[in-house]
Amino acid sequence: MHQRKWEDLLDKIEKMFGFTEHTTEEYPERRMTVETAVFDGASGRIKLERTRKPVVLDKRMSYSRRAGSDVVTEYVLSDDEYVDTVRFFRWDRLAREWTQIDLADIGR
């Protein structure tokens, strides 16, 4: 999801429901950002989670044929291309945990 569309979605949710929680976490070692928005909607407590990380351009594995040696995986990441992933969760009061909402099942 592009930044502008994400911001529009958050603006609409804030106007309609207001946020219970809105956080952004940076993971510099992985060059990743996770933004979370929690709100109380018509169908209960909902959490949106957007993960933004660089595109993996190449994956290199280094290993030795000696017994007991470790395999080292090195990722080559893009400097200007990113992958955005948005996931939706619903709070399950009975299980007391977040359960992911499968958007393919909503229209059925």
N, C-alpha and C. Protein backbone atom coordinates (compact mmCIF):
# COMPACT_ATOMS: atom_id res chain seq x y z
N MET A 1 0.85 -1.17 0.00
CA MET A 1 0.00 0.00 0.00
C MET A 1 0.90 1.23 0.00
N HIS A 2 0.63 2.14 -0.90
CA HIS A 2 1.43 3.36 -0.98
C HIS A 2 1.20 4.24 0.23
N GLN A 3 2.19 5.06 0.55
CA GLN A 3 2.14 5.91 1.73
C GLN A 3 0.89 6.80 1.75
N ARG A 4 0.56 7.40 0.62
CA ARG A 4 -0.59 8.32 0.57
C ARG A 4 -1.90 7.57 0.86
N LYS A 5 -2.07 6.38 0.30
CA LYS A 5 -3.29 5.60 0.54
C LYS A 5 -3.37 5.17 2.00
N TRP A 6 -2.23 4.80 2.58
CA TRP A 6 -2.19 4.42 3.99
C TRP A 6 -2.62 5.59 4.86
N GLU A 7 -2.09 6.77 4.58
CA GLU A 7 -2.45 7.97 5.35
C GLU A 7 -3.93 8.30 5.20
N ASP A 8 -4.48 8.16 3.99
CA ASP A 8 -5.91 8.39 3.77
C ASP A 8 -6.76 7.42 4.58
N LEU A 9 -6.35 6.14 4.59
CA LEU A 9 -7.07 5.13 5.36
C LEU A 9 -7.05 5.46 6.85
N LEU A 10 -5.88 5.83 7.36
CA LEU A 10 -5.79 6.19 8.78
C LEU A 10 -6.62 7.42 9.12
N ASP A 11 -6.64 8.41 8.22
CA ASP A 11 -7.46 9.61 8.45
C ASP A 11 -8.94 9.26 8.54
N LYS A 12 -9.41 8.39 7.63
CA LYS A 12 -10.82 7.99 7.64
C LYS A 12 -11.17 7.23 8.92
N ILE A 13 -10.29 6.32 9.32
CA ILE A 13 -10.55 5.56 10.55
C ILE A 13 -10.56 6.47 11.76
N GLU A 14 -9.63 7.40 11.81
CA GLU A 14 -9.58 8.32 12.96
C GLU A 14 -10.83 9.19 13.04
N LYS A 15 -11.32 9.66 11.91
CA LYS A 15 -12.54 10.48 11.89
C LYS A 15 -13.77 9.68 12.31
N MET A 16 -13.85 8.41 11.85
CA MET A 16 -15.04 7.60 12.13
C MET A 16 -15.03 6.99 13.53
N PHE A 17 -13.87 6.49 13.97
CA PHE A 17 -13.82 5.73 15.22
C PHE A 17 -12.87 6.29 16.26
N GLY A 18 -11.81 6.94 15.84
CA GLY A 18 -10.76 7.37 16.76
C GLY A 18 -9.85 6.18 17.06
N PHE A 19 -8.61 6.47 17.39
CA PHE A 19 -7.65 5.41 17.68
C PHE A 19 -7.57 5.12 19.17
N THR A 20 -7.50 3.85 19.52
CA THR A 20 -7.21 3.43 20.88
C THR A 20 -5.69 3.47 21.08
N GLU A 21 -4.97 3.12 20.00
CA GLU A 21 -3.52 3.06 20.03
C GLU A 21 -3.00 3.26 18.62
N HIS A 22 -1.90 4.01 18.47
CA HIS A 22 -1.26 4.22 17.17
C HIS A 22 0.23 4.33 17.40
N THR A 23 0.99 3.33 16.94
CA THR A 23 2.43 3.30 17.20
C THR A 23 3.20 3.03 15.90
N THR A 24 4.46 3.46 15.91
CA THR A 24 5.39 3.16 14.83
C THR A 24 6.68 2.66 15.45
N GLU A 25 7.13 1.49 15.01
CA GLU A 25 8.37 0.90 15.52
C GLU A 25 9.36 0.77 14.39
N GLU A 26 10.59 1.20 14.64
CA GLU A 26 11.68 1.11 13.67
C GLU A 26 12.60 -0.03 14.05
N TYR A 27 13.02 -0.79 13.06
CA TYR A 27 14.00 -1.86 13.24
C TYR A 27 15.17 -1.58 12.29
N PRO A 28 16.13 -0.74 12.73
CA PRO A 28 17.21 -0.31 11.83
C PRO A 28 18.09 -1.45 11.32
N GLU A 29 18.30 -2.47 12.14
CA GLU A 29 19.15 -3.58 11.70
C GLU A 29 18.55 -4.34 10.52
N ARG A 30 17.23 -4.29 10.40
CA ARG A 30 16.54 -4.95 9.28
C ARG A 30 16.00 -3.95 8.28
N ARG A 31 16.21 -2.64 8.55
CA ARG A 31 15.70 -1.56 7.71
C ARG A 31 14.20 -1.71 7.50
N MET A 32 13.48 -1.95 8.60
CA MET A 32 12.06 -2.25 8.54
C MET A 32 11.29 -1.32 9.50
N THR A 33 10.08 -0.96 9.11
CA THR A 33 9.19 -0.15 9.93
C THR A 33 7.87 -0.88 10.07
N VAL A 34 7.34 -0.93 11.31
CA VAL A 34 6.03 -1.54 11.56
C VAL A 34 5.15 -0.47 12.21
N GLU A 35 4.05 -0.13 11.53
CA GLU A 35 3.10 0.85 12.05
C GLU A 35 1.82 0.12 12.41
N THR A 36 1.32 0.38 13.61
CA THR A 36 0.14 -0.31 14.11
C THR A 36 -0.92 0.71 14.53
N ALA A 37 -2.16 0.45 14.15
CA ALA A 37 -3.29 1.30 14.55
C ALA A 37 -4.39 0.39 15.10
N VAL A 38 -4.84 0.69 16.30
CA VAL A 38 -5.90 -0.09 16.95
C VAL A 38 -7.09 0.84 17.17
N PHE A 39 -8.29 0.34 16.85
CA PHE A 39 -9.51 1.14 17.06
C PHE A 39 -10.68 0.21 17.37
N ASP A 40 -11.70 0.78 17.98
CA ASP A 40 -12.93 0.05 18.26
C ASP A 40 -13.94 0.36 17.15
N GLY A 41 -14.15 -0.62 16.28
CA GLY A 41 -15.05 -0.45 15.14
C GLY A 41 -16.41 -1.06 15.39
N ALA A 42 -17.22 -1.12 14.36
CA ALA A 42 -18.57 -1.66 14.46
C ALA A 42 -18.57 -3.15 14.78
N SER A 43 -17.53 -3.87 14.35
CA SER A 43 -17.46 -5.32 14.61
C SER A 43 -16.49 -5.67 15.73
N GLY A 44 -16.18 -4.70 16.58
CA GLY A 44 -15.30 -4.96 17.71
C GLY A 44 -13.96 -4.27 17.56
N ARG A 45 -13.00 -4.67 18.38
CA ARG A 45 -11.66 -4.08 18.35
C ARG A 45 -10.88 -4.63 17.15
N ILE A 46 -10.33 -3.71 16.35
CA ILE A 46 -9.61 -4.05 15.13
C ILE A 46 -8.20 -3.48 15.20
N LYS A 47 -7.24 -4.24 14.66
CA LYS A 47 -5.85 -3.77 14.58
C LYS A 47 -5.39 -3.86 13.13
N LEU A 48 -4.85 -2.76 12.62
CA LEU A 48 -4.21 -2.74 11.31
C LEU A 48 -2.71 -2.68 11.54
N GLU A 49 -1.97 -3.47 10.79
CA GLU A 49 -0.52 -3.50 10.94
C GLU A 49 0.12 -3.38 9.56
N ARG A 50 0.91 -2.35 9.36
CA ARG A 50 1.60 -2.12 8.09
C ARG A 50 3.09 -2.32 8.30
N THR A 51 3.68 -3.24 7.52
CA THR A 51 5.10 -3.51 7.57
C THR A 51 5.72 -3.01 6.28
N ARG A 52 6.77 -2.21 6.41
CA ARG A 52 7.47 -1.66 5.25
C ARG A 52 8.93 -2.05 5.34
N LYS A 53 9.41 -2.79 4.32
CA LYS A 53 10.80 -3.22 4.31
C LYS A 53 11.33 -3.22 2.89
N PRO A 54 12.66 -3.15 2.72
CA PRO A 54 13.23 -3.10 1.38
C PRO A 54 13.06 -4.41 0.61
N VAL A 55 13.02 -4.29 -0.71
CA VAL A 55 12.93 -5.45 -1.58
C VAL A 55 14.25 -6.22 -1.51
N VAL A 56 14.16 -7.55 -1.44
CA VAL A 56 15.35 -8.40 -1.46
C VAL A 56 15.75 -8.60 -2.92
N LEU A 57 16.95 -8.12 -3.27
CA LEU A 57 17.43 -8.23 -4.65
C LEU A 57 18.17 -9.54 -4.89
N ASP A 58 18.87 -10.01 -3.87
CA ASP A 58 19.65 -11.22 -4.03
C ASP A 58 19.83 -11.88 -2.67
N LYS A 59 19.98 -13.19 -2.68
CA LYS A 59 20.20 -13.96 -1.46
C LYS A 59 21.42 -14.84 -1.70
N ARG A 60 22.45 -14.63 -0.90
CA ARG A 60 23.70 -15.38 -1.05
C ARG A 60 23.93 -16.24 0.18
N MET A 61 24.24 -17.49 -0.08
CA MET A 61 24.50 -18.41 1.02
C MET A 61 25.97 -18.83 0.98
N SER A 62 26.62 -18.72 2.13
CA SER A 62 28.02 -19.13 2.26
C SER A 62 28.08 -20.30 3.22
N TYR A 63 28.78 -21.34 2.81
CA TYR A 63 28.91 -22.50 3.67
C TYR A 63 30.23 -23.20 3.39
N SER A 64 30.57 -24.06 4.29
CA SER A 64 31.79 -24.85 4.16
C SER A 64 31.40 -26.31 4.16
N ARG A 65 32.18 -27.13 3.51
CA ARG A 65 31.86 -28.56 3.45
C ARG A 65 32.35 -29.31 4.69
N ARG A 66 33.01 -28.59 5.57
CA ARG A 66 33.48 -29.24 6.80
C ARG A 66 32.29 -29.59 7.69
N ALA A 67 32.43 -30.66 8.40
CA ALA A 67 31.36 -31.12 9.30
C ALA A 67 31.17 -30.10 10.43
N GLY A 68 29.94 -29.80 10.73
CA GLY A 68 29.62 -28.91 11.85
C GLY A 68 29.71 -27.43 11.51
N SER A 69 29.96 -27.08 10.25
CA SER A 69 30.06 -25.66 9.91
C SER A 69 28.66 -25.07 9.71
N ASP A 70 28.55 -23.77 9.92
CA ASP A 70 27.28 -23.07 9.79
C ASP A 70 27.09 -22.53 8.38
N VAL A 71 25.84 -22.39 8.01
CA VAL A 71 25.50 -21.75 6.75
C VAL A 71 25.17 -20.30 7.06
N VAL A 72 25.78 -19.37 6.33
CA VAL A 72 25.55 -17.95 6.53
C VAL A 72 24.79 -17.43 5.31
N THR A 73 23.63 -16.79 5.56
CA THR A 73 22.82 -16.23 4.49
C THR A 73 22.95 -14.71 4.51
N GLU A 74 23.31 -14.14 3.37
CA GLU A 74 23.46 -12.69 3.25
C GLU A 74 22.43 -12.20 2.24
N TYR A 75 21.67 -11.19 2.62
CA TYR A 75 20.65 -10.62 1.75
C TYR A 75 21.13 -9.29 1.18
N VAL A 76 20.94 -9.09 -0.11
CA VAL A 76 21.23 -7.82 -0.76
C VAL A 76 19.89 -7.10 -0.89
N LEU A 77 19.77 -5.93 -0.23
CA LEU A 77 18.51 -5.20 -0.18
C LEU A 77 18.56 -3.97 -1.06
N SER A 78 17.42 -3.61 -1.62
CA SER A 78 17.30 -2.43 -2.46
C SER A 78 17.37 -1.17 -1.58
N ASP A 79 17.94 -0.10 -2.14
CA ASP A 79 18.01 1.17 -1.42
C ASP A 79 16.80 2.05 -1.68
N ASP A 80 16.06 1.79 -2.78
CA ASP A 80 14.96 2.68 -3.12
C ASP A 80 13.62 1.99 -3.38
N GLU A 81 13.57 0.66 -3.35
CA GLU A 81 12.31 -0.05 -3.55
C GLU A 81 11.91 -0.74 -2.25
N TYR A 82 10.62 -0.65 -1.92
CA TYR A 82 10.12 -1.21 -0.67
C TYR A 82 8.90 -2.09 -0.91
N VAL A 83 8.69 -3.02 0.01
CA VAL A 83 7.51 -3.88 0.01
C VAL A 83 6.65 -3.47 1.20
N ASP A 84 5.40 -3.18 0.94
CA ASP A 84 4.45 -2.84 2.01
C ASP A 84 3.48 -4.00 2.18
N THR A 85 3.28 -4.42 3.42
CA THR A 85 2.33 -5.47 3.72
C THR A 85 1.37 -4.95 4.79
N VAL A 86 0.08 -5.04 4.53
CA VAL A 86 -0.93 -4.61 5.49
C VAL A 86 -1.72 -5.84 5.92
N ARG A 87 -1.81 -6.02 7.24
CA ARG A 87 -2.59 -7.14 7.79
C ARG A 87 -3.63 -6.59 8.75
N PHE A 88 -4.78 -7.28 8.81
CA PHE A 88 -5.89 -6.88 9.66
C PHE A 88 -6.12 -7.97 10.71
N PHE A 89 -6.38 -7.53 11.94
CA PHE A 89 -6.63 -8.45 13.04
C PHE A 89 -7.89 -8.04 13.79
N ARG A 90 -8.56 -9.02 14.38
CA ARG A 90 -9.73 -8.78 15.24
C ARG A 90 -9.41 -9.35 16.61
N TRP A 91 -9.77 -8.61 17.65
CA TRP A 91 -9.54 -9.06 19.02
C TRP A 91 -10.57 -10.12 19.38
N ASP A 92 -10.09 -11.30 19.76
CA ASP A 92 -10.95 -12.40 20.18
C ASP A 92 -11.02 -12.36 21.70
N ARG A 93 -12.17 -11.94 22.23
CA ARG A 93 -12.30 -11.78 23.69
C ARG A 93 -12.22 -13.10 24.43
N LEU A 94 -12.72 -14.17 23.83
CA LEU A 94 -12.69 -15.46 24.51
C LEU A 94 -11.27 -16.01 24.59
N ALA A 95 -10.54 -15.94 23.50
CA ALA A 95 -9.17 -16.46 23.48
C ALA A 95 -8.17 -15.44 24.02
N ARG A 96 -8.60 -14.19 24.14
CA ARG A 96 -7.75 -13.09 24.61
C ARG A 96 -6.49 -12.94 23.77
N GLU A 97 -6.71 -12.91 22.44
CA GLU A 97 -5.59 -12.73 21.51
C GLU A 97 -6.10 -12.16 20.20
N TRP A 98 -5.18 -11.63 19.39
CA TRP A 98 -5.51 -11.11 18.08
C TRP A 98 -5.56 -12.26 17.09
N THR A 99 -6.62 -12.31 16.28
CA THR A 99 -6.71 -13.30 15.21
C THR A 99 -6.74 -12.56 13.88
N GLN A 100 -5.94 -13.03 12.94
CA GLN A 100 -5.84 -12.36 11.65
C GLN A 100 -7.12 -12.55 10.86
N ILE A 101 -7.56 -11.48 10.20
CA ILE A 101 -8.74 -11.51 9.35
C ILE A 101 -8.28 -11.81 7.94
N ASP A 102 -8.82 -12.86 7.34
CA ASP A 102 -8.51 -13.19 5.96
C ASP A 102 -9.48 -12.43 5.06
N LEU A 103 -8.97 -11.46 4.30
CA LEU A 103 -9.83 -10.61 3.50
C LEU A 103 -10.54 -11.37 2.39
N ALA A 104 -10.03 -12.52 1.98
CA ALA A 104 -10.69 -13.33 0.97
C ALA A 104 -12.02 -13.90 1.48
N ASP A 105 -12.13 -14.10 2.79
CA ASP A 105 -13.34 -14.67 3.38
C ASP A 105 -14.44 -13.63 3.62
N ILE A 106 -14.12 -12.36 3.56
CA ILE A 106 -15.10 -11.31 3.89
C ILE A 106 -16.24 -11.27 2.88
N GLY A 107 -15.94 -11.41 1.60
CA GLY A 107 -16.96 -11.32 0.57
C GLY A 107 -17.83 -12.54 0.44
N ARG A 108 -17.52 -13.62 1.14
CA ARG A 108 -18.27 -14.86 1.01
C ARG A 108 -19.43 -14.92 1.94
